[in-house]
Amino acid sequence: MRKKIFLVLLFQFLLSLNLSSFAQTMPNADADKTIKDQLYKKYRREVLSFDRKKYDDLFFEYIRKTGESTILTKEQYYTYTIKISIYAEKLGLLYRDQKEESLKTKQVWYDKSYSDYLKSKNKK
């Protein structure tokens, strides 16, 4: 009986160590989360009113600007990616049968990283 209690306590102790180590690393996973959240709140209403042409203009402007030799600022880069993310969310609201796919697309655009963008610029 003592052996079982000891094993349960040992297991709980090891589990708590493991969880606390993950808890410490999670906030650093996305250092730009606050700026993304601010931009999301700022542009959500505006982007939800976009029609297809306005979205296409935004998307092609993003493609053009990221392809140029100039480097976007962090806020400029995230403004484009967050707006595209919000439009993907809008498509999920409009087309219920594609909601899951649009949420995945939204998350892909929301998770884009400025540091990855800078790395891709340095490779060129």
N, C-alpha and C. Protein backbone atom coordinates (compact mmCIF):
# COMPACT_ATOMS: atom_id res chain seq x y z
N MET A 1 0.83 -1.19 0.00
CA MET A 1 0.00 0.00 0.00
C MET A 1 0.87 1.25 0.00
N ARG A 2 1.92 1.26 0.82
CA ARG A 2 2.82 2.41 0.86
C ARG A 2 3.52 2.61 -0.47
N LYS A 3 3.83 1.50 -1.11
CA LYS A 3 4.51 1.58 -2.39
C LYS A 3 3.61 2.24 -3.44
N LYS A 4 2.33 1.92 -3.44
CA LYS A 4 1.39 2.53 -4.38
C LYS A 4 1.25 4.02 -4.13
N ILE A 5 1.15 4.40 -2.89
CA ILE A 5 1.03 5.82 -2.54
C ILE A 5 2.29 6.57 -2.96
N PHE A 6 3.43 5.96 -2.70
CA PHE A 6 4.70 6.57 -3.09
C PHE A 6 4.78 6.75 -4.61
N LEU A 7 4.37 5.75 -5.36
CA LEU A 7 4.41 5.83 -6.81
C LEU A 7 3.46 6.91 -7.34
N VAL A 8 2.28 7.01 -6.75
CA VAL A 8 1.31 8.03 -7.16
C VAL A 8 1.87 9.42 -6.87
N LEU A 9 2.44 9.61 -5.71
CA LEU A 9 3.02 10.91 -5.36
C LEU A 9 4.21 11.25 -6.25
N LEU A 10 5.02 10.26 -6.54
CA LEU A 10 6.16 10.48 -7.42
C LEU A 10 5.69 10.86 -8.82
N PHE A 11 4.69 10.16 -9.32
CA PHE A 11 4.13 10.47 -10.62
C PHE A 11 3.57 11.89 -10.67
N GLN A 12 2.83 12.29 -9.65
CA GLN A 12 2.27 13.64 -9.60
C GLN A 12 3.38 14.68 -9.54
N PHE A 13 4.42 14.41 -8.79
CA PHE A 13 5.55 15.33 -8.70
C PHE A 13 6.22 15.51 -10.06
N LEU A 14 6.49 14.41 -10.73
CA LEU A 14 7.13 14.48 -12.05
C LEU A 14 6.23 15.18 -13.06
N LEU A 15 4.95 14.91 -12.99
CA LEU A 15 4.00 15.56 -13.89
C LEU A 15 3.96 17.07 -13.64
N SER A 16 3.98 17.47 -12.39
CA SER A 16 3.94 18.91 -12.09
C SER A 16 5.22 19.60 -12.55
N LEU A 17 6.35 18.93 -12.46
CA LEU A 17 7.60 19.50 -12.97
C LEU A 17 7.53 19.68 -14.48
N ASN A 18 7.00 18.69 -15.14
CA ASN A 18 6.88 18.74 -16.59
C ASN A 18 5.93 19.86 -17.01
N LEU A 19 4.80 20.00 -16.38
CA LEU A 19 3.83 21.03 -16.73
C LEU A 19 4.37 22.43 -16.44
N SER A 20 5.09 22.58 -15.34
CA SER A 20 5.62 23.90 -15.03
C SER A 20 6.70 24.31 -16.01
N SER A 21 7.46 23.35 -16.52
CA SER A 21 8.47 23.71 -17.50
C SER A 21 7.82 24.14 -18.81
N PHE A 22 6.70 23.51 -19.20
CA PHE A 22 5.98 23.94 -20.40
C PHE A 22 5.35 25.31 -20.17
N ALA A 23 4.85 25.55 -19.00
CA ALA A 23 4.19 26.82 -18.72
C ALA A 23 5.17 27.97 -18.84
N GLN A 24 6.42 27.74 -18.55
CA GLN A 24 7.41 28.81 -18.63
C GLN A 24 7.81 29.10 -20.07
N THR A 25 7.73 28.13 -20.95
CA THR A 25 8.16 28.35 -22.33
C THR A 25 7.02 28.84 -23.22
N MET A 26 5.80 28.66 -22.86
CA MET A 26 4.68 29.01 -23.72
C MET A 26 4.57 30.50 -24.03
N PRO A 27 4.74 31.42 -23.07
CA PRO A 27 4.59 32.83 -23.40
C PRO A 27 5.59 33.31 -24.45
N ASN A 28 6.74 32.69 -24.54
CA ASN A 28 7.74 33.11 -25.51
C ASN A 28 7.46 32.56 -26.90
N ALA A 29 6.47 31.71 -27.03
CA ALA A 29 6.17 31.08 -28.31
C ALA A 29 5.83 32.14 -29.37
N ASP A 30 5.09 33.17 -29.01
CA ASP A 30 4.76 34.23 -29.95
C ASP A 30 4.95 35.58 -29.25
N ALA A 31 6.13 36.13 -29.41
CA ALA A 31 6.45 37.39 -28.75
C ALA A 31 5.65 38.55 -29.30
N ASP A 32 5.12 38.40 -30.51
CA ASP A 32 4.38 39.48 -31.15
C ASP A 32 2.87 39.35 -30.99
N LYS A 33 2.43 38.52 -30.08
CA LYS A 33 1.00 38.28 -29.90
C LYS A 33 0.25 39.56 -29.55
N THR A 34 0.83 40.41 -28.73
CA THR A 34 0.13 41.63 -28.33
C THR A 34 -0.11 42.56 -29.52
N ILE A 35 0.89 42.73 -30.36
CA ILE A 35 0.70 43.60 -31.53
C ILE A 35 -0.32 43.00 -32.49
N LYS A 36 -0.29 41.68 -32.64
CA LYS A 36 -1.27 41.01 -33.49
C LYS A 36 -2.68 41.19 -32.95
N ASP A 37 -2.84 41.03 -31.65
CA ASP A 37 -4.17 41.20 -31.04
C ASP A 37 -4.67 42.63 -31.18
N GLN A 38 -3.77 43.60 -31.01
CA GLN A 38 -4.17 45.00 -31.17
C GLN A 38 -4.62 45.29 -32.60
N LEU A 39 -3.86 44.79 -33.56
CA LEU A 39 -4.22 45.01 -34.96
C LEU A 39 -5.52 44.28 -35.31
N TYR A 40 -5.71 43.10 -34.75
CA TYR A 40 -6.95 42.35 -34.98
C TYR A 40 -8.15 43.15 -34.50
N LYS A 41 -8.06 43.69 -33.31
CA LYS A 41 -9.17 44.49 -32.77
C LYS A 41 -9.38 45.76 -33.59
N LYS A 42 -8.29 46.36 -34.02
CA LYS A 42 -8.37 47.62 -34.77
C LYS A 42 -9.01 47.44 -36.14
N TYR A 43 -8.68 46.36 -36.84
CA TYR A 43 -9.12 46.20 -38.22
C TYR A 43 -10.26 45.22 -38.43
N ARG A 44 -10.73 44.54 -37.42
CA ARG A 44 -11.74 43.50 -37.61
C ARG A 44 -13.00 44.04 -38.28
N ARG A 45 -13.55 45.08 -37.74
CA ARG A 45 -14.80 45.62 -38.28
C ARG A 45 -14.61 46.11 -39.72
N GLU A 46 -13.48 46.77 -39.97
CA GLU A 46 -13.21 47.28 -41.31
C GLU A 46 -13.12 46.14 -42.33
N VAL A 47 -12.37 45.09 -42.00
CA VAL A 47 -12.14 44.01 -42.95
C VAL A 47 -13.39 43.17 -43.16
N LEU A 48 -14.21 43.02 -42.14
CA LEU A 48 -15.44 42.25 -42.31
C LEU A 48 -16.39 42.92 -43.30
N SER A 49 -16.20 44.20 -43.55
CA SER A 49 -17.04 44.89 -44.53
C SER A 49 -16.41 44.89 -45.93
N PHE A 50 -15.23 44.30 -46.09
CA PHE A 50 -14.59 44.23 -47.41
C PHE A 50 -15.42 43.41 -48.38
N ASP A 51 -15.44 43.86 -49.63
CA ASP A 51 -15.97 43.00 -50.69
C ASP A 51 -14.79 42.26 -51.32
N ARG A 52 -15.08 41.41 -52.26
CA ARG A 52 -14.03 40.56 -52.86
C ARG A 52 -12.95 41.40 -53.55
N LYS A 53 -13.36 42.47 -54.24
CA LYS A 53 -12.40 43.31 -54.96
C LYS A 53 -11.44 43.99 -54.00
N LYS A 54 -11.97 44.50 -52.90
CA LYS A 54 -11.12 45.18 -51.94
C LYS A 54 -10.13 44.20 -51.29
N TYR A 55 -10.60 42.97 -51.03
CA TYR A 55 -9.70 41.96 -50.50
C TYR A 55 -8.62 41.60 -51.51
N ASP A 56 -9.00 41.42 -52.76
CA ASP A 56 -8.02 41.09 -53.80
C ASP A 56 -6.96 42.18 -53.91
N ASP A 57 -7.39 43.44 -53.85
CA ASP A 57 -6.44 44.55 -53.88
C ASP A 57 -5.47 44.46 -52.70
N LEU A 58 -5.99 44.17 -51.52
CA LEU A 58 -5.15 44.04 -50.32
C LEU A 58 -4.16 42.89 -50.48
N PHE A 59 -4.64 41.75 -50.93
CA PHE A 59 -3.80 40.56 -51.06
C PHE A 59 -2.68 40.78 -52.08
N PHE A 60 -3.02 41.35 -53.23
CA PHE A 60 -2.01 41.57 -54.25
C PHE A 60 -1.02 42.66 -53.84
N GLU A 61 -1.48 43.63 -53.07
CA GLU A 61 -0.56 44.64 -52.53
C GLU A 61 0.42 43.99 -51.55
N TYR A 62 -0.08 43.06 -50.73
CA TYR A 62 0.79 42.33 -49.80
C TYR A 62 1.85 41.53 -50.58
N ILE A 63 1.42 40.82 -51.62
CA ILE A 63 2.33 40.03 -52.43
C ILE A 63 3.39 40.93 -53.07
N ARG A 64 2.96 42.05 -53.62
CA ARG A 64 3.88 42.97 -54.28
C ARG A 64 4.89 43.55 -53.29
N LYS A 65 4.40 43.98 -52.13
CA LYS A 65 5.30 44.62 -51.17
C LYS A 65 6.26 43.64 -50.52
N THR A 66 5.84 42.41 -50.30
CA THR A 66 6.77 41.44 -49.71
C THR A 66 7.78 40.94 -50.74
N GLY A 67 7.46 41.11 -52.02
CA GLY A 67 8.38 40.69 -53.08
C GLY A 67 9.41 41.75 -53.43
N GLU A 68 9.17 42.98 -53.02
CA GLU A 68 10.09 44.07 -53.33
C GLU A 68 11.36 43.96 -52.50
N SER A 69 12.35 44.75 -52.88
CA SER A 69 13.61 44.72 -52.15
C SER A 69 13.52 45.48 -50.82
N THR A 70 12.54 46.38 -50.69
CA THR A 70 12.38 47.08 -49.43
C THR A 70 11.79 46.14 -48.38
N ILE A 71 12.07 46.43 -47.14
CA ILE A 71 11.59 45.58 -46.04
C ILE A 71 10.48 46.31 -45.30
N LEU A 72 9.38 45.61 -45.11
CA LEU A 72 8.25 46.18 -44.36
C LEU A 72 8.60 46.26 -42.88
N THR A 73 8.01 47.24 -42.20
CA THR A 73 8.16 47.29 -40.75
C THR A 73 7.31 46.19 -40.14
N LYS A 74 7.54 45.94 -38.88
CA LYS A 74 6.77 44.90 -38.19
C LYS A 74 5.28 45.21 -38.24
N GLU A 75 4.92 46.45 -37.99
CA GLU A 75 3.50 46.81 -37.99
C GLU A 75 2.89 46.71 -39.38
N GLN A 76 3.63 47.12 -40.40
CA GLN A 76 3.12 47.00 -41.76
C GLN A 76 2.89 45.53 -42.13
N TYR A 77 3.87 44.70 -41.82
CA TYR A 77 3.78 43.28 -42.13
C TYR A 77 2.59 42.64 -41.43
N TYR A 78 2.47 42.89 -40.13
CA TYR A 78 1.36 42.30 -39.39
C TYR A 78 0.01 42.89 -39.78
N THR A 79 -0.02 44.13 -40.23
CA THR A 79 -1.28 44.71 -40.69
C THR A 79 -1.81 43.92 -41.89
N TYR A 80 -0.93 43.61 -42.82
CA TYR A 80 -1.35 42.80 -43.98
C TYR A 80 -1.79 41.40 -43.56
N THR A 81 -0.96 40.72 -42.78
CA THR A 81 -1.28 39.32 -42.45
C THR A 81 -2.54 39.22 -41.58
N ILE A 82 -2.73 40.16 -40.68
CA ILE A 82 -3.91 40.12 -39.82
C ILE A 82 -5.17 40.44 -40.63
N LYS A 83 -5.09 41.39 -41.54
CA LYS A 83 -6.25 41.70 -42.37
C LYS A 83 -6.64 40.50 -43.22
N ILE A 84 -5.65 39.82 -43.78
CA ILE A 84 -5.93 38.62 -44.59
C ILE A 84 -6.54 37.54 -43.71
N SER A 85 -6.04 37.43 -42.49
CA SER A 85 -6.58 36.47 -41.53
C SER A 85 -8.04 36.76 -41.20
N ILE A 86 -8.35 38.00 -41.01
CA ILE A 86 -9.73 38.40 -40.69
C ILE A 86 -10.66 38.11 -41.87
N TYR A 87 -10.17 38.33 -43.08
CA TYR A 87 -11.01 38.04 -44.25
C TYR A 87 -11.28 36.54 -44.36
N ALA A 88 -10.30 35.73 -44.01
CA ALA A 88 -10.52 34.28 -44.01
C ALA A 88 -11.60 33.92 -43.00
N GLU A 89 -11.59 34.60 -41.87
CA GLU A 89 -12.64 34.40 -40.86
C GLU A 89 -14.01 34.78 -41.44
N LYS A 90 -14.05 35.87 -42.18
CA LYS A 90 -15.31 36.31 -42.79
C LYS A 90 -15.85 35.25 -43.74
N LEU A 91 -14.98 34.63 -44.52
CA LEU A 91 -15.42 33.59 -45.45
C LEU A 91 -16.02 32.41 -44.69
N GLY A 92 -15.48 32.11 -43.52
CA GLY A 92 -16.06 31.05 -42.70
C GLY A 92 -17.44 31.40 -42.20
N LEU A 93 -17.66 32.67 -41.94
CA LEU A 93 -18.99 33.11 -41.50
C LEU A 93 -19.99 33.09 -42.65
N LEU A 94 -19.52 33.41 -43.84
CA LEU A 94 -20.41 33.45 -45.00
C LEU A 94 -20.74 32.06 -45.53
N TYR A 95 -19.75 31.20 -45.57
CA TYR A 95 -19.91 29.85 -46.14
C TYR A 95 -19.72 28.83 -45.03
N ARG A 96 -20.79 28.49 -44.37
CA ARG A 96 -20.74 27.59 -43.21
C ARG A 96 -20.12 26.23 -43.53
N ASP A 97 -20.31 25.75 -44.75
CA ASP A 97 -19.77 24.44 -45.10
C ASP A 97 -18.24 24.47 -45.22
N GLN A 98 -17.65 25.65 -45.31
CA GLN A 98 -16.20 25.79 -45.39
C GLN A 98 -15.61 26.43 -44.14
N LYS A 99 -16.36 26.39 -43.07
CA LYS A 99 -15.93 27.07 -41.85
C LYS A 99 -14.61 26.52 -41.31
N GLU A 100 -14.49 25.20 -41.27
CA GLU A 100 -13.27 24.58 -40.72
C GLU A 100 -12.04 24.96 -41.54
N GLU A 101 -12.18 24.90 -42.85
CA GLU A 101 -11.07 25.25 -43.73
C GLU A 101 -10.69 26.72 -43.58
N SER A 102 -11.69 27.59 -43.46
CA SER A 102 -11.39 29.02 -43.32
C SER A 102 -10.74 29.32 -41.97
N LEU A 103 -11.11 28.59 -40.92
CA LEU A 103 -10.46 28.79 -39.63
C LEU A 103 -9.00 28.36 -39.67
N LYS A 104 -8.72 27.29 -40.41
CA LYS A 104 -7.32 26.87 -40.57
C LYS A 104 -6.53 27.93 -41.33
N THR A 105 -7.13 28.46 -42.39
CA THR A 105 -6.48 29.51 -43.17
C THR A 105 -6.25 30.75 -42.32
N LYS A 106 -7.26 31.09 -41.53
CA LYS A 106 -7.13 32.24 -40.64
C LYS A 106 -5.95 32.04 -39.70
N GLN A 107 -5.84 30.87 -39.13
CA GLN A 107 -4.76 30.60 -38.17
C GLN A 107 -3.40 30.63 -38.85
N VAL A 108 -3.32 30.14 -40.07
CA VAL A 108 -2.04 30.16 -40.81
C VAL A 108 -1.58 31.61 -41.00
N TRP A 109 -2.49 32.47 -41.41
CA TRP A 109 -2.12 33.87 -41.61
C TRP A 109 -1.85 34.57 -40.29
N TYR A 110 -2.60 34.24 -39.26
CA TYR A 110 -2.40 34.87 -37.95
C TYR A 110 -1.05 34.46 -37.36
N ASP A 111 -0.62 33.24 -37.64
CA ASP A 111 0.62 32.72 -37.06
C ASP A 111 1.87 33.14 -37.81
N LYS A 112 1.73 33.83 -38.92
CA LYS A 112 2.92 34.26 -39.66
C LYS A 112 3.79 35.12 -38.77
N SER A 113 5.09 34.93 -38.93
CA SER A 113 6.05 35.58 -38.04
C SER A 113 6.89 36.61 -38.80
N TYR A 114 7.08 37.75 -38.17
CA TYR A 114 7.91 38.80 -38.76
C TYR A 114 9.36 38.34 -38.87
N SER A 115 9.82 37.59 -37.89
CA SER A 115 11.20 37.10 -37.94
C SER A 115 11.40 36.15 -39.12
N ASP A 116 10.41 35.33 -39.42
CA ASP A 116 10.50 34.45 -40.60
C ASP A 116 10.52 35.28 -41.89
N TYR A 117 9.73 36.34 -41.90
CA TYR A 117 9.73 37.25 -43.06
C TYR A 117 11.11 37.87 -43.26
N LEU A 118 11.72 38.32 -42.15
CA LEU A 118 13.06 38.93 -42.26
C LEU A 118 14.09 37.90 -42.72
N LYS A 119 13.97 36.67 -42.24
CA LYS A 119 14.89 35.62 -42.67
C LYS A 119 14.76 35.37 -44.17
N SER A 120 13.53 35.37 -44.66
CA SER A 120 13.32 35.13 -46.09
C SER A 120 13.90 36.30 -46.91
N LYS A 121 13.86 37.50 -46.37
CA LYS A 121 14.42 38.66 -47.07
C LYS A 121 15.95 38.59 -47.09
N ASN A 122 16.54 38.08 -46.02
CA ASN A 122 18.00 37.99 -45.96
C ASN A 122 18.55 36.92 -46.90
N LYS A 123 17.76 35.91 -47.22
CA LYS A 123 18.20 34.86 -48.13
C LYS A 123 18.32 35.34 -49.57
N LYS A 124 17.54 36.36 -49.91
CA LYS A 124 17.51 36.86 -51.30
C LYS A 124 18.71 37.67 -51.65
